[in-house]
Protein backbone atom coordinates (compact mmCIF):
# COMPACT_ATOMS: atom_id res chain seq x y z
CA MET A 1 204.37 190.70 -76.87
CA PHE A 2 200.61 191.12 -76.63
CA ASN A 3 200.48 188.93 -73.53
CA ALA A 4 203.13 191.05 -71.84
CA LEU A 5 201.21 194.22 -72.70
CA ARG A 6 197.98 192.74 -71.35
CA THR A 7 199.67 191.71 -68.10
CA HIS A 8 201.22 195.16 -67.74
CA ILE A 9 197.95 197.02 -68.29
CA LEU A 10 195.91 194.73 -66.05
CA SER A 11 198.45 195.15 -63.24
CA ARG A 12 197.94 198.92 -63.32
CA VAL A 13 194.21 199.19 -63.98
CA GLU A 14 191.41 197.52 -62.10
CA MET A 15 189.48 195.89 -64.90
CA PRO A 16 188.05 192.41 -65.33
CA GLU A 17 189.86 190.38 -67.98
CA GLU A 18 186.64 190.09 -70.03
CA ASP A 19 186.34 193.88 -70.24
CA PHE A 20 189.97 194.18 -71.25
CA THR A 21 189.42 191.62 -74.00
CA ARG A 22 186.42 193.55 -75.32
CA VAL A 23 188.33 196.83 -75.31
CA THR A 24 191.32 195.37 -77.14
CA GLU A 25 189.09 193.76 -79.74
CA LEU A 26 187.69 197.19 -80.49
CA MET A 27 191.06 198.91 -80.49
CA ILE A 28 193.31 196.41 -82.21
CA PRO A 29 192.43 195.53 -85.81
CA LYS A 30 191.60 191.90 -86.48
CA LYS A 31 194.45 191.53 -88.99
CA LEU A 32 197.00 192.62 -86.42
CA ARG A 33 195.64 190.21 -83.80
CA LYS A 34 195.74 187.37 -86.31
CA ARG A 35 199.33 188.18 -87.31
CA GLN A 36 200.37 188.36 -83.66
CA TYR A 37 198.75 184.99 -82.99
CA ILE A 38 200.51 183.39 -85.94
CA LEU A 39 203.87 184.82 -84.87
CA GLN A 40 203.41 183.54 -81.31
CA ALA A 41 201.75 180.20 -81.94
CA GLY A 42 203.33 178.95 -85.12
CA SER A 43 206.74 177.45 -85.71
CA ALA A 44 209.12 179.31 -87.99
CA GLU A 45 208.20 176.94 -90.82
CA GLU A 46 204.47 177.49 -90.25
CA ARG A 47 204.98 181.25 -90.28
CA TYR A 48 206.94 180.96 -93.53
CA LEU A 49 204.26 178.82 -95.17
CA HIS A 50 201.54 181.22 -94.02
CA PHE A 51 203.54 184.12 -95.48
CA LEU A 52 203.92 182.24 -98.78
CA ASN A 53 200.18 181.67 -99.00
CA LYS A 54 199.28 185.23 -98.06
CA PHE A 55 201.94 187.08 -100.09
CA PRO A 56 203.15 184.74 -102.86
CA ASP A 57 204.54 187.52 -105.07
CA LEU A 58 206.62 189.29 -102.41
CA PHE A 59 209.53 186.85 -102.61
CA GLN A 60 210.29 188.28 -106.03
CA ARG A 61 210.28 191.89 -104.79
CA VAL A 62 211.43 191.95 -101.15
CA PRO A 63 214.90 190.99 -99.87
CA LEU A 64 214.97 187.77 -97.83
CA GLN A 65 216.48 189.63 -94.88
CA GLN A 66 213.36 191.80 -94.60
CA ILE A 67 211.07 188.79 -94.95
CA ALA A 68 213.00 186.99 -92.21
CA SER A 69 212.63 190.04 -89.97
CA TYR A 70 208.88 190.15 -90.62
CA LEU A 71 208.64 186.46 -89.70
CA GLY A 72 210.69 186.98 -86.54
CA ILE A 73 213.52 184.68 -87.60
CA THR A 74 217.11 185.09 -88.76
CA PRO A 75 217.97 185.13 -92.47
CA GLN A 76 219.96 181.92 -91.89
CA SER A 77 216.88 180.20 -90.45
CA LEU A 78 214.81 181.34 -93.42
CA ARG A 79 217.39 179.94 -95.84
CA ARG A 80 217.42 176.63 -93.93
CA ILE A 81 213.61 176.41 -93.95
CA ARG A 82 213.48 177.10 -97.68
CA LYS A 83 216.19 174.50 -98.33
CA ASP A 84 214.40 171.88 -96.19
CA LEU A 85 211.06 172.48 -97.92
CA THR A 86 212.66 172.29 -101.35
CA ALA A 87 214.34 169.00 -100.43
CA ARG A 88 210.98 167.53 -99.33
CA LYS A 89 209.34 168.17 -102.71
């Protein structure tokens, strides 16, 4: 998503890529950039494990469907990932 936005903006504004990067670093909070990177770069399992480490108590309070949506996966994929990880232990 961020890459598409960057491409769109740079196609409409004459600006060196380095300047665009500096501007976005000022405008977009670091936490959001990190989350976007994790969602783009990591596998579904990696995103799930990162979520577990960052928010260990939320699985007790938030429905799995909402967690799956946050991770960018289907609830069925989340159930499969959880089942696979449990079987590995």
